Amino acid sequence: MQTISVQLPLFSTVSEFDAKMILAGELYTRGKLSLGQAADVAGLSKRAFIEIIGKYGFSIFSESIEDFRHDLENAWKA
């Protein structure tokens, strides 16, 4: 895993966990990370990530029907 360092202003109220969740959610939504990879970025299990990600404004469901079918197939394999 690579490390990326980000500096936030001192007055920022964004916690490290919030920043990880937002980054992981955005990269997952854009298709840059799988669900498992996004969960790893956030430091969570897949289940915990799925349970929490909606609170950050992200959905685990894909926009396309084909992606949704693929996600369902993979869910049964896990």
Protein backbone atom coordinates (compact mmCIF):
# COMPACT_ATOMS: atom_id res chain seq x y z
CA MET A 1 0.00 0.00 0.00
CA GLN A 2 1.29 3.45 -0.80
CA THR A 3 1.27 6.35 1.66
CA ILE A 4 -0.12 9.78 0.83
CA SER A 5 0.33 12.70 3.21
CA VAL A 6 -2.23 15.50 3.34
CA GLN A 7 -1.98 18.65 5.44
CA LEU A 8 -5.18 20.29 6.66
CA PRO A 9 -5.50 23.74 8.21
CA LEU A 10 -5.32 23.83 12.01
CA PHE A 11 -8.88 25.12 12.24
CA SER A 12 -10.22 22.15 10.27
CA THR A 13 -12.61 19.89 12.16
CA VAL A 14 -11.97 16.95 9.83
CA SER A 15 -10.67 13.96 11.75
CA GLU A 16 -8.20 11.52 10.25
CA PHE A 17 -10.95 8.88 10.15
CA ASP A 18 -13.36 11.23 8.36
CA ALA A 19 -10.70 12.08 5.78
CA LYS A 20 -10.01 8.38 5.16
CA MET A 21 -13.73 7.62 4.80
CA ILE A 22 -14.29 10.49 2.37
CA LEU A 23 -11.26 9.53 0.28
CA ALA A 24 -12.18 5.83 0.30
CA GLY A 25 -15.81 6.57 -0.57
CA GLU A 26 -14.91 8.88 -3.42
CA LEU A 27 -12.35 6.49 -4.90
CA TYR A 28 -14.81 3.60 -4.60
CA THR A 29 -17.59 5.63 -6.24
CA ARG A 30 -15.29 6.57 -9.12
CA GLY A 31 -14.34 2.92 -9.62
CA LYS A 32 -10.70 3.46 -8.68
CA LEU A 33 -10.90 1.07 -5.70
CA SER A 34 -12.85 -2.10 -5.06
CA LEU A 35 -15.08 -2.28 -2.00
CA GLY A 36 -12.42 -4.27 -0.14
CA GLN A 37 -9.68 -1.83 -1.09
CA ALA A 38 -11.80 1.13 0.01
CA ALA A 39 -12.47 -0.59 3.32
CA ASP A 40 -8.71 -1.11 3.76
CA VAL A 41 -8.06 2.60 3.11
CA ALA A 42 -10.57 3.45 5.82
CA GLY A 43 -9.03 0.85 8.16
CA LEU A 44 -12.28 -1.11 8.40
CA SER A 45 -13.64 -4.52 7.53
CA LYS A 46 -15.85 -4.67 4.44
CA ARG A 47 -18.92 -5.10 6.63
CA ALA A 48 -18.10 -2.09 8.81
CA PHE A 49 -17.31 0.03 5.73
CA ILE A 50 -20.66 -0.90 4.15
CA GLU A 51 -22.48 -0.04 7.37
CA ILE A 52 -20.82 3.38 7.73
CA ILE A 53 -20.25 4.68 4.19
CA GLY A 54 -23.82 5.95 3.75
CA LYS A 55 -23.28 8.42 6.60
CA TYR A 56 -20.65 10.07 4.41
CA GLY A 57 -23.01 10.48 1.45
CA PHE A 58 -21.77 7.54 -0.60
CA SER A 59 -23.64 4.48 -1.82
CA ILE A 60 -22.19 1.02 -2.23
CA PHE A 61 -24.56 0.44 -5.15
CA SER A 62 -23.44 1.09 -8.69
CA GLU A 63 -25.27 3.34 -11.10
CA SER A 64 -25.44 0.73 -13.88
CA ILE A 65 -27.46 -2.48 -13.87
CA GLU A 66 -24.50 -4.44 -15.22
CA ASP A 67 -22.25 -3.27 -12.39
CA PHE A 68 -24.99 -4.10 -9.89
CA ARG A 69 -25.29 -7.65 -11.26
CA HIS A 70 -21.52 -8.04 -11.07
CA ASP A 71 -21.54 -6.80 -7.47
CA LEU A 72 -24.28 -9.30 -6.58
CA GLU A 73 -22.32 -12.17 -8.14
CA ASN A 74 -19.21 -11.19 -6.18
CA ALA A 75 -21.18 -10.89 -2.96
CA TRP A 76 -22.20 -14.54 -3.18
CA LYS A 77 -18.57 -15.56 -3.63
CA ALA A 78 -17.37 -13.76 -0.48
